[in-house]
Amino acid sequence: MRGVGTSRTGAVYSLAPSAAAIDKPAHAWKTMLITLDGPRVLVDVGGRRLTAFDPAAKDIPDQSEWYEPKREPKRPTFGYIGLQNHDPGDVVYFKEVSVQPLEGAE
């Protein structure tokens, strides 16, 4: 898991940094749970919370590159899910990807 701050595993890319994930060998599977609860984004890896992002927070860094997401307090409530890996030389496999509604959500 490479990268630092707002571009490493578990971060909300360029918007919210993540804590460092527990180190595992490169070939070991890791489980990531991403929870979208209204505008909030929570990211857990290996059962440990790495990121809690609230788009209404006052400490969101300014957009510095054209390809970074727009800084909007009202984030979309629907759209695509993007899984990415962009570190040169890294190889990533996705074993299972699933989506389910939150319990009690409309």
C-alpha atoms as a PDB file:
ATOM      1  CA  MET A   1       0.000   0.000   0.000  1.00  0.00           C
ATOM      2  CA  ARG A   2       1.833   3.015  -1.270  1.00  0.00           C
ATOM      3  CA  GLY A   3       1.130   6.691  -1.201  1.00  0.00           C
ATOM      4  CA  VAL A   4       0.746   9.193   1.556  1.00  0.00           C
ATOM      5  CA  GLY A   5      -2.027  11.215   3.034  1.00  0.00           C
ATOM      6  CA  THR A   6      -4.829  11.821   0.585  1.00  0.00           C
ATOM      7  CA  SER A   7      -3.727   9.380  -2.108  1.00  0.00           C
ATOM      8  CA  ARG A   8      -2.969   6.189  -0.211  1.00  0.00           C
ATOM      9  CA  THR A   9      -5.201   3.179   0.363  1.00  0.00           C
ATOM     10  CA  GLY A  10      -8.360   4.153   2.224  1.00  0.00           C
ATOM     11  CA  ALA A  11      -8.231   7.870   1.429  1.00  0.00           C
ATOM     12  CA  VAL A  12     -11.039   9.757  -0.274  1.00  0.00           C
ATOM     13  CA  TYR A  13      -8.769  10.796  -3.125  1.00  0.00           C
ATOM     14  CA  SER A  14      -7.347  14.283  -2.551  1.00  0.00           C
ATOM     15  CA  LEU A  15     -10.211  15.158  -0.172  1.00  0.00           C
ATOM     16  CA  ALA A  16      -9.567  13.232   3.055  1.00  0.00           C
ATOM     17  CA  PRO A  17      -6.406  11.485   4.236  1.00  0.00           C
ATOM     18  CA  SER A  18      -6.374   7.980   5.620  1.00  0.00           C
ATOM     19  CA  ALA A  19      -4.541   6.500   8.543  1.00  0.00           C
ATOM     20  CA  ALA A  20      -1.925   3.933   7.556  1.00  0.00           C
ATOM     21  CA  ALA A  21      -3.379   0.484   7.012  1.00  0.00           C
ATOM     22  CA  ILE A  22      -2.050  -2.514   8.865  1.00  0.00           C
ATOM     23  CA  ASP A  23       0.886  -3.865   6.899  1.00  0.00           C
ATOM     24  CA  LYS A  24       0.351  -7.224   5.225  1.00  0.00           C
ATOM     25  CA  PRO A  25       2.456  -9.060   2.681  1.00  0.00           C
ATOM     26  CA  ALA A  26       1.867  -7.864  -0.882  1.00  0.00           C
ATOM     27  CA  HIS A  27       0.157 -11.140  -1.860  1.00  0.00           C
ATOM     28  CA  ALA A  28      -2.264 -11.157   1.109  1.00  0.00           C
ATOM     29  CA  TRP A  29      -5.937 -10.295   0.580  1.00  0.00           C
ATOM     30  CA  LYS A  30      -7.213  -7.204   2.331  1.00  0.00           C
ATOM     31  CA  THR A  31     -10.869  -6.462   3.071  1.00  0.00           C
ATOM     32  CA  MET A  32     -12.106  -2.911   2.509  1.00  0.00           C
ATOM     33  CA  LEU A  33     -15.544  -1.754   3.583  1.00  0.00           C
ATOM     34  CA  ILE A  34     -16.708   1.600   2.222  1.00  0.00           C
ATOM     35  CA  THR A  35     -19.854   3.016   3.829  1.00  0.00           C
ATOM     36  CA  LEU A  36     -21.734   5.884   2.196  1.00  0.00           C
ATOM     37  CA  ASP A  37     -24.073   7.259   4.834  1.00  0.00           C
ATOM     38  CA  GLY A  38     -25.736  10.327   3.347  1.00  0.00           C
ATOM     39  CA  PRO A  39     -22.873  12.666   2.456  1.00  0.00           C
ATOM     40  CA  ARG A  40     -20.397  10.935   4.819  1.00  0.00           C
ATOM     41  CA  VAL A  41     -17.841   8.405   3.594  1.00  0.00           C
ATOM     42  CA  LEU A  42     -16.319   5.887   6.010  1.00  0.00           C
ATOM     43  CA  VAL A  43     -13.499   3.570   4.963  1.00  0.00           C
ATOM     44  CA  ASP A  44     -12.417   0.528   6.966  1.00  0.00           C
ATOM     45  CA  VAL A  45      -9.578  -1.794   5.955  1.00  0.00           C
ATOM     46  CA  GLY A  46      -9.082  -5.041   7.828  1.00  0.00           C
ATOM     47  CA  GLY A  47     -11.689  -3.988  10.398  1.00  0.00           C
ATOM     48  CA  ARG A  48      -9.874  -0.735  11.216  1.00  0.00           C
ATOM     49  CA  ARG A  49     -11.340   2.701  10.402  1.00  0.00           C
ATOM     50  CA  LEU A  50      -8.892   4.557   8.179  1.00  0.00           C
ATOM     51  CA  THR A  51     -11.026   7.441   6.965  1.00  0.00           C
ATOM     52  CA  ALA A  52     -14.137   9.352   8.005  1.00  0.00           C
ATOM     53  CA  PHE A  53     -14.918  12.038   5.425  1.00  0.00           C
ATOM     54  CA  ASP A  54     -17.580  14.716   5.822  1.00  0.00           C
ATOM     55  CA  PRO A  55     -17.853  17.018   2.786  1.00  0.00           C
ATOM     56  CA  ALA A  56     -19.169  19.818   5.027  1.00  0.00           C
ATOM     57  CA  ALA A  57     -15.919  19.879   7.040  1.00  0.00           C
ATOM     58  CA  LYS A  58     -13.953  23.139   7.036  1.00  0.00           C
ATOM     59  CA  ASP A  59     -10.512  21.524   6.600  1.00  0.00           C
ATOM     60  CA  ILE A  60     -10.890  20.084   3.091  1.00  0.00           C
ATOM     61  CA  PRO A  61      -7.771  20.936   1.061  1.00  0.00           C
ATOM     62  CA  ASP A  62      -8.139  23.137  -2.006  1.00  0.00           C
ATOM     63  CA  GLN A  63      -8.186  21.484  -5.422  1.00  0.00           C
ATOM     64  CA  SER A  64      -4.628  21.682  -6.767  1.00  0.00           C
ATOM     65  CA  GLU A  65      -4.769  19.517  -9.903  1.00  0.00           C
ATOM     66  CA  TRP A  66      -7.312  19.450 -12.738  1.00  0.00           C
ATOM     67  CA  TYR A  67      -8.021  15.723 -12.267  1.00  0.00           C
ATOM     68  CA  GLU A  68      -8.945  15.964  -8.579  1.00  0.00           C
ATOM     69  CA  PRO A  69     -12.626  15.892  -7.595  1.00  0.00           C
ATOM     70  CA  LYS A  70     -14.462  19.191  -7.324  1.00  0.00           C
ATOM     71  CA  ARG A  71     -14.804  20.606  -3.833  1.00  0.00           C
ATOM     72  CA  GLU A  72     -18.552  20.706  -3.409  1.00  0.00           C
ATOM     73  CA  PRO A  73     -20.303  20.520  -0.052  1.00  0.00           C
ATOM     74  CA  LYS A  74     -23.226  18.691  -1.670  1.00  0.00           C
ATOM     75  CA  ARG A  75     -21.786  15.492  -3.108  1.00  0.00           C
ATOM     76  CA  PRO A  76     -23.775  13.368  -5.578  1.00  0.00           C
ATOM     77  CA  THR A  77     -26.026  10.729  -4.025  1.00  0.00           C
ATOM     78  CA  PHE A  78     -25.837   8.451  -7.069  1.00  0.00           C
ATOM     79  CA  GLY A  79     -23.422   7.668  -9.864  1.00  0.00           C
ATOM     80  CA  TYR A  80     -20.592   5.305 -10.585  1.00  0.00           C
ATOM     81  CA  ILE A  81     -18.218   3.497  -8.259  1.00  0.00           C
ATOM     82  CA  GLY A  82     -14.585   3.836  -9.249  1.00  0.00           C
ATOM     83  CA  LEU A  83     -11.952   1.380  -8.077  1.00  0.00           C
ATOM     84  CA  GLN A  84      -8.473   2.487  -8.936  1.00  0.00           C
ATOM     85  CA  ASN A  85      -4.816   1.818  -8.580  1.00  0.00           C
ATOM     86  CA  HIS A  86      -2.357   4.247 -10.048  1.00  0.00           C
ATOM     87  CA  ASP A  87       1.030   3.622  -8.448  1.00  0.00           C
ATOM     88  CA  PRO A  88       3.538   2.527 -11.114  1.00  0.00           C
ATOM     89  CA  GLY A  89       4.409  -1.133 -10.817  1.00  0.00           C
ATOM     90  CA  ASP A  90       1.555  -2.023  -8.458  1.00  0.00           C
ATOM     91  CA  VAL A  91      -0.679  -4.956  -9.306  1.00  0.00           C
ATOM     92  CA  VAL A  92      -4.156  -5.096  -7.771  1.00  0.00           C
ATOM     93  CA  TYR A  93      -6.826  -7.770  -8.025  1.00  0.00           C
ATOM     94  CA  PHE A  94     -10.408  -7.429  -6.849  1.00  0.00           C
ATOM     95  CA  LYS A  95     -11.747 -10.712  -5.524  1.00  0.00           C
ATOM     96  CA  GLU A  96     -15.303  -9.648  -4.728  1.00  0.00           C
ATOM     97  CA  VAL A  97     -17.099  -6.343  -5.098  1.00  0.00           C
ATOM     98  CA  SER A  98     -20.660  -5.999  -3.845  1.00  0.00           C
ATOM     99  CA  VAL A  99     -23.091  -3.202  -3.058  1.00  0.00           C
ATOM    100  CA  GLN A 100     -25.909  -3.299  -0.540  1.00  0.00           C
ATOM    101  CA  PRO A 101     -28.188  -0.702   1.053  1.00  0.00           C
ATOM    102  CA  LEU A 102     -27.569   0.420   4.625  1.00  0.00           C
ATOM    103  CA  GLU A 103     -29.863  -1.151   7.153  1.00  0.00           C
ATOM    104  CA  GLY A 104     -32.805   1.197   7.699  1.00  0.00           C
ATOM    105  CA  ALA A 105     -32.034   3.257   4.576  1.00  0.00           C
ATOM    106  CA  GLU A 106     -34.869   4.198   2.271  1.00  0.00           C
END
